[in-house]
Every structure is written in C-alpha cells, then in structure tokens.
Amino acid sequence: MEHTGDLPAEPRAHEESVRVAATPEQLYVLVSDVTRTGEWSPVCQTCWWDDGDEPGPDGPRVGARFTGRNVLPERTWETRSRVVAAEPGREFAWEVGDGYVRWGYRMEPAGQPGITLLTESWEFTDAGLAYFAERFGEKAPAAIEARTQQALAGIPATLAALQRIAES
C-alpha cells in the first residue's frame, strides 16, 4: 500500500541508551521477562505470556506471543506481540500486532567490567503506518504523531527505571 496524504513515507524510528551497572546477561533476564514490564513502562501496565508460550529454562523463544495492557488517562487497550529476537545477553525484541511496531533492547559491554550499554529501540513500520491509515482515515497523522510522542517520552523513562531496578 502506498502512503497518501500527510502520512510519512518512511518508518519512524528512535533509540536511546543508558549505561547500567549490570552484566548483559543480567539485563537480558530482566528485560525478557515481559511479566515485569509494568515495573518500568510508563504505558504498558502489565504483560502475560499467551497460553503455551511461557518461557522455558533458557528464557523466551522467537515466535512466542504475549499480550500487554496499556493504560493512558484517556484510554486502556491491549496489544498482542510476537518475540522476534531472543539472544541471551545480546538482544530481546518483539513486534506488536502484525508487525506494526517493533520494540527491542540491545545489551553491549560498555568497556568496563560489570557495565553494560542498554539500548531501547522503537520503530513504527510501514505496515503500522498503513494500518493506521486504514483504521483512522484522515485522523491517522494525528494518531501516528501521538504514538510517536508517547514512544519518545517513554523510552528515557523506561531506561531510567530499568537502570534503577537493575542497580538496586
């Protein structure tokens, strides 16, 4: 589907990083436990693994699905996501809906023992832009902008909370 009107032609993407006094493996265990998301996310209040997709002893697997409940003052909604990267100590990522948005965390040694560069990334994909165009019509640009601003504000808040949790 081609983009028309005021919809952006390119996916929107953003990432930020923070240095955390924890190992990449420790951070992976934390961020890949989606049932704890409500401890650090300013919007997603709770997540649970869908039936049969609970993680095994090595953590979540690519393809596993989970549901998240998001809460803002004006509305509450649930999304279904699919894990797209599950590399212990390196990366954990998921796509919301049918690939509409991709969220993820990367963990990289920061050059000092026990210090990790934790990066949170977000991308509003072309599929997401097309979905919003179909769902919201002429209100799509405003809805896309609102979601973008939520992500831009939420990422630093999430990273600060993850840093506090990991270092406590």
C-alpha atoms as a PDB file:
ATOM      1  CA  MET A   1       0.000   0.000   0.000  1.00  0.00           C
ATOM      2  CA  GLU A   2       1.385   3.396  -0.920  1.00  0.00           C
ATOM      3  CA  HIS A   3       1.208   6.205   1.578  1.00  0.00           C
ATOM      4  CA  THR A   4      -1.003   9.112   0.727  1.00  0.00           C
ATOM      5  CA  GLY A   5      -1.829  12.469   2.183  1.00  0.00           C
ATOM      6  CA  ASP A   6       0.084  13.575   5.247  1.00  0.00           C
ATOM      7  CA  LEU A   7       1.347  10.132   6.265  1.00  0.00           C
ATOM      8  CA  PRO A   8       5.130   9.891   6.451  1.00  0.00           C
ATOM      9  CA  ALA A   9       6.673   7.793   3.685  1.00  0.00           C
ATOM     10  CA  GLU A  10       9.427   6.327   5.887  1.00  0.00           C
ATOM     11  CA  PRO A  11       9.122   4.351   9.099  1.00  0.00           C
ATOM     12  CA  ARG A  12       9.636   6.351  12.264  1.00  0.00           C
ATOM     13  CA  ALA A  13      12.411   5.000  14.465  1.00  0.00           C
ATOM     14  CA  HIS A  14      14.210   6.084  17.619  1.00  0.00           C
ATOM     15  CA  GLU A  15      16.613   4.614  20.131  1.00  0.00           C
ATOM     16  CA  GLU A  16      18.356   5.729  23.297  1.00  0.00           C
ATOM     17  CA  SER A  17      20.950   4.118  25.541  1.00  0.00           C
ATOM     18  CA  VAL A  18      21.999   4.157  29.171  1.00  0.00           C
ATOM     19  CA  ARG A  19      24.994   2.691  30.964  1.00  0.00           C
ATOM     20  CA  VAL A  20      23.913   0.205  33.632  1.00  0.00           C
ATOM     21  CA  ALA A  21      25.960  -1.390  36.408  1.00  0.00           C
ATOM     22  CA  ALA A  22      24.902  -4.932  35.476  1.00  0.00           C
ATOM     23  CA  THR A  23      26.069  -7.595  33.058  1.00  0.00           C
ATOM     24  CA  PRO A  24      24.440  -8.073  29.643  1.00  0.00           C
ATOM     25  CA  GLU A  25      23.158 -11.439  30.864  1.00  0.00           C
ATOM     26  CA  GLN A  26      21.543  -9.906  33.962  1.00  0.00           C
ATOM     27  CA  LEU A  27      19.864  -7.219  31.877  1.00  0.00           C
ATOM     28  CA  TYR A  28      18.617  -9.756  29.357  1.00  0.00           C
ATOM     29  CA  VAL A  29      16.952 -11.787  32.111  1.00  0.00           C
ATOM     30  CA  LEU A  30      15.267  -8.593  33.320  1.00  0.00           C
ATOM     31  CA  VAL A  31      14.006  -7.152  30.012  1.00  0.00           C
ATOM     32  CA  SER A  32      12.959 -10.512  28.545  1.00  0.00           C
ATOM     33  CA  ASP A  33      10.627 -11.173  31.491  1.00  0.00           C
ATOM     34  CA  VAL A  34       7.619  -9.442  29.960  1.00  0.00           C
ATOM     35  CA  THR A  35       5.576 -10.196  33.085  1.00  0.00           C
ATOM     36  CA  ARG A  36       7.653  -7.476  34.820  1.00  0.00           C
ATOM     37  CA  THR A  37       7.085  -4.789  32.149  1.00  0.00           C
ATOM     38  CA  GLY A  38       4.723  -2.818  34.382  1.00  0.00           C
ATOM     39  CA  GLU A  39       7.649  -2.147  36.745  1.00  0.00           C
ATOM     40  CA  TRP A  40       9.382   0.075  34.175  1.00  0.00           C
ATOM     41  CA  SER A  41       6.982   1.054  31.395  1.00  0.00           C
ATOM     42  CA  PRO A  42       5.053   4.322  31.712  1.00  0.00           C
ATOM     43  CA  VAL A  43       2.276   2.999  29.413  1.00  0.00           C
ATOM     44  CA  CYS A  44       2.264  -0.814  29.470  1.00  0.00           C
ATOM     45  CA  GLN A  45       0.928  -1.711  32.899  1.00  0.00           C
ATOM     46  CA  THR A  46       1.049  -5.498  32.626  1.00  0.00           C
ATOM     47  CA  CYS A  47       2.003  -8.303  30.226  1.00  0.00           C
ATOM     48  CA  TRP A  48       1.424 -12.020  30.213  1.00  0.00           C
ATOM     49  CA  TRP A  49       2.551 -14.864  28.005  1.00  0.00           C
ATOM     50  CA  ASP A  50      -0.167 -16.321  25.816  1.00  0.00           C
ATOM     51  CA  ASP A  51      -1.121 -19.925  26.558  1.00  0.00           C
ATOM     52  CA  GLY A  52       1.651 -22.310  25.562  1.00  0.00           C
ATOM     53  CA  ASP A  53       4.211 -19.541  25.020  1.00  0.00           C
ATOM     54  CA  GLU A  54       5.575 -19.294  28.549  1.00  0.00           C
ATOM     55  CA  PRO A  55       9.395 -19.195  28.523  1.00  0.00           C
ATOM     56  CA  GLY A  56      11.458 -22.310  29.150  1.00  0.00           C
ATOM     57  CA  PRO A  57      14.577 -22.547  31.299  1.00  0.00           C
ATOM     58  CA  ASP A  58      16.590 -20.568  28.719  1.00  0.00           C
ATOM     59  CA  GLY A  59      14.028 -17.745  28.565  1.00  0.00           C
ATOM     60  CA  PRO A  60      11.598 -16.746  25.830  1.00  0.00           C
ATOM     61  CA  ARG A  61      11.863 -18.086  22.303  1.00  0.00           C
ATOM     62  CA  VAL A  62      11.465 -16.372  18.948  1.00  0.00           C
ATOM     63  CA  GLY A  63       7.841 -16.735  17.863  1.00  0.00           C
ATOM     64  CA  ALA A  64       6.410 -16.733  21.399  1.00  0.00           C
ATOM     65  CA  ARG A  65       3.416 -14.448  21.848  1.00  0.00           C
ATOM     66  CA  PHE A  66       2.365 -12.259  24.733  1.00  0.00           C
ATOM     67  CA  THR A  67      -0.385  -9.771  25.477  1.00  0.00           C
ATOM     68  CA  GLY A  68       0.120  -6.352  27.031  1.00  0.00           C
ATOM     69  CA  ARG A  69      -2.351  -3.999  28.675  1.00  0.00           C
ATOM     70  CA  ASN A  70      -1.611  -0.329  28.053  1.00  0.00           C
ATOM     71  CA  VAL A  71      -3.125   2.435  30.147  1.00  0.00           C
ATOM     72  CA  LEU A  72      -3.282   6.173  29.471  1.00  0.00           C
ATOM     73  CA  PRO A  73      -5.594   8.676  31.149  1.00  0.00           C
ATOM     74  CA  GLU A  74      -7.863   8.750  28.085  1.00  0.00           C
ATOM     75  CA  ARG A  75      -7.977   5.027  27.282  1.00  0.00           C
ATOM     76  CA  THR A  76      -6.939   1.447  28.061  1.00  0.00           C
ATOM     77  CA  TRP A  77      -6.178  -1.142  25.362  1.00  0.00           C
ATOM     78  CA  GLU A  78      -4.477  -4.478  24.847  1.00  0.00           C
ATOM     79  CA  THR A  79      -1.988  -5.500  22.194  1.00  0.00           C
ATOM     80  CA  ARG A  80      -0.695  -8.869  21.132  1.00  0.00           C
ATOM     81  CA  SER A  81       3.019  -9.149  20.376  1.00  0.00           C
ATOM     82  CA  ARG A  82       5.399 -11.736  18.956  1.00  0.00           C
ATOM     83  CA  VAL A  83       9.027 -12.176  20.029  1.00  0.00           C
ATOM     84  CA  VAL A  84      11.321 -11.584  17.024  1.00  0.00           C
ATOM     85  CA  ALA A  85      14.743 -11.657  18.759  1.00  0.00           C
ATOM     86  CA  ALA A  86      15.728 -13.663  21.826  1.00  0.00           C
ATOM     87  CA  GLU A  87      19.513 -13.767  22.151  1.00  0.00           C
ATOM     88  CA  PRO A  88      20.509 -14.015  25.825  1.00  0.00           C
ATOM     89  CA  GLY A  89      22.905 -11.251  26.797  1.00  0.00           C
ATOM     90  CA  ARG A  90      22.550  -9.521  23.414  1.00  0.00           C
ATOM     91  CA  GLU A  91      19.027  -8.684  22.259  1.00  0.00           C
ATOM     92  CA  PHE A  92      15.356  -9.083  23.083  1.00  0.00           C
ATOM     93  CA  ALA A  93      12.761  -7.651  20.675  1.00  0.00           C
ATOM     94  CA  TRP A  94       9.127  -8.033  19.702  1.00  0.00           C
ATOM     95  CA  GLU A  95       6.647  -6.819  17.115  1.00  0.00           C
ATOM     96  CA  VAL A  96       3.226  -5.501  18.049  1.00  0.00           C
ATOM     97  CA  GLY A  97       0.247  -6.707  16.048  1.00  0.00           C
ATOM     98  CA  ASP A  98       1.072  -7.772  12.502  1.00  0.00           C
ATOM     99  CA  GLY A  99       4.475  -6.092  12.535  1.00  0.00           C
ATOM    100  CA  TYR A 100       3.081  -2.595  13.123  1.00  0.00           C
ATOM    101  CA  VAL A 101       5.684  -1.536  15.666  1.00  0.00           C
ATOM    102  CA  ARG A 102       8.993  -3.107  16.677  1.00  0.00           C
ATOM    103  CA  TRP A 103      10.332  -2.627  20.191  1.00  0.00           C
ATOM    104  CA  GLY A 104      13.607  -4.009  21.453  1.00  0.00           C
ATOM    105  CA  TYR A 105      16.526  -3.954  23.837  1.00  0.00           C
ATOM    106  CA  ARG A 106      20.177  -4.487  22.977  1.00  0.00           C
ATOM    107  CA  MET A 107      22.871  -5.155  25.554  1.00  0.00           C
ATOM    108  CA  GLU A 108      26.540  -4.443  24.832  1.00  0.00           C
ATOM    109  CA  PRO A 109      29.563  -4.480  27.133  1.00  0.00           C
ATOM    110  CA  ALA A 110      30.482  -0.844  27.846  1.00  0.00           C
ATOM    111  CA  GLY A 111      34.242  -1.335  28.167  1.00  0.00           C
ATOM    112  CA  GLN A 112      34.273  -1.676  31.949  1.00  0.00           C
ATOM    113  CA  PRO A 113      33.666  -4.902  33.882  1.00  0.00           C
ATOM    114  CA  GLY A 114      30.050  -5.168  35.011  1.00  0.00           C
ATOM    115  CA  ILE A 115      28.894  -2.135  32.982  1.00  0.00           C
ATOM    116  CA  THR A 116      26.522  -2.604  30.043  1.00  0.00           C
ATOM    117  CA  LEU A 117      25.204  -0.227  27.443  1.00  0.00           C
ATOM    118  CA  LEU A 118      21.461  -0.914  27.361  1.00  0.00           C
ATOM    119  CA  THR A 119      19.714   0.420  24.254  1.00  0.00           C
ATOM    120  CA  GLU A 120      15.958   0.577  23.815  1.00  0.00           C
ATOM    121  CA  SER A 121      14.724   0.888  20.235  1.00  0.00           C
ATOM    122  CA  TRP A 122      11.357   1.615  18.694  1.00  0.00           C
ATOM    123  CA  GLU A 123      10.229   1.613  15.079  1.00  0.00           C
ATOM    124  CA  PHE A 124       6.820   2.482  13.646  1.00  0.00           C
ATOM    125  CA  THR A 125       6.954   0.348  10.488  1.00  0.00           C
ATOM    126  CA  ASP A 126       5.431   0.848   7.058  1.00  0.00           C
ATOM    127  CA  ALA A 127       2.911  -1.868   7.992  1.00  0.00           C
ATOM    128  CA  GLY A 128       1.982   0.178  11.056  1.00  0.00           C
ATOM    129  CA  LEU A 129       1.598   3.350   9.027  1.00  0.00           C
ATOM    130  CA  ALA A 130      -0.664   1.533   6.549  1.00  0.00           C
ATOM    131  CA  TYR A 131      -2.699   0.027   9.406  1.00  0.00           C
ATOM    132  CA  PHE A 132      -3.198   3.456  10.990  1.00  0.00           C
ATOM    133  CA  ALA A 133      -4.190   4.949   7.627  1.00  0.00           C
ATOM    134  CA  GLU A 134      -6.835   2.255   7.220  1.00  0.00           C
ATOM    135  CA  ARG A 135      -8.045   2.367  10.815  1.00  0.00           C
ATOM    136  CA  PHE A 136      -8.050   6.122  11.445  1.00  0.00           C
ATOM    137  CA  GLY A 137      -8.503   7.599   7.952  1.00  0.00           C
ATOM    138  CA  GLU A 138      -7.965  11.359   7.938  1.00  0.00           C
ATOM    139  CA  LYS A 139      -7.112  11.241  11.673  1.00  0.00           C
ATOM    140  CA  ALA A 140      -4.184   8.868  11.015  1.00  0.00           C
ATOM    141  CA  PRO A 141      -1.429  11.533  11.011  1.00  0.00           C
ATOM    142  CA  ALA A 142      -2.540  12.785  14.441  1.00  0.00           C
ATOM    143  CA  ALA A 143      -2.790   9.236  15.809  1.00  0.00           C
ATOM    144  CA  ILE A 144       0.668   8.378  14.451  1.00  0.00           C
ATOM    145  CA  GLU A 145       2.115  11.554  15.938  1.00  0.00           C
ATOM    146  CA  ALA A 146       0.535  10.798  19.329  1.00  0.00           C
ATOM    147  CA  ARG A 147       2.023   7.269  19.353  1.00  0.00           C
ATOM    148  CA  THR A 148       5.386   8.675  18.290  1.00  0.00           C
ATOM    149  CA  GLN A 149       5.395  11.228  21.107  1.00  0.00           C
ATOM    150  CA  GLN A 150       4.437   8.520  23.626  1.00  0.00           C
ATOM    151  CA  ALA A 151       7.406   6.428  22.483  1.00  0.00           C
ATOM    152  CA  LEU A 152       9.821   9.374  22.527  1.00  0.00           C
ATOM    153  CA  ALA A 153       8.770  10.303  26.066  1.00  0.00           C
ATOM    154  CA  GLY A 154       8.535   6.702  27.258  1.00  0.00           C
ATOM    155  CA  ILE A 155      11.960   5.446  26.196  1.00  0.00           C
ATOM    156  CA  PRO A 156      14.060   7.620  28.554  1.00  0.00           C
ATOM    157  CA  ALA A 157      11.596   6.981  31.404  1.00  0.00           C
ATOM    158  CA  THR A 158      11.776   3.238  30.772  1.00  0.00           C
ATOM    159  CA  LEU A 159      15.576   3.200  30.597  1.00  0.00           C
ATOM    160  CA  ALA A 160      15.851   5.187  33.845  1.00  0.00           C
ATOM    161  CA  ALA A 161      13.512   2.742  35.594  1.00  0.00           C
ATOM    162  CA  LEU A 162      15.382  -0.294  34.215  1.00  0.00           C
ATOM    163  CA  GLN A 163      18.678   1.206  35.384  1.00  0.00           C
ATOM    164  CA  ARG A 164      17.262   1.801  38.876  1.00  0.00           C
ATOM    165  CA  ILE A 165      15.836  -1.743  39.097  1.00  0.00           C
ATOM    166  CA  ALA A 166      18.987  -3.427  37.755  1.00  0.00           C
ATOM    167  CA  GLU A 167      21.300  -1.464  40.060  1.00  0.00           C
ATOM    168  CA  SER A 168      19.253  -1.885  43.245  1.00  0.00           C
END
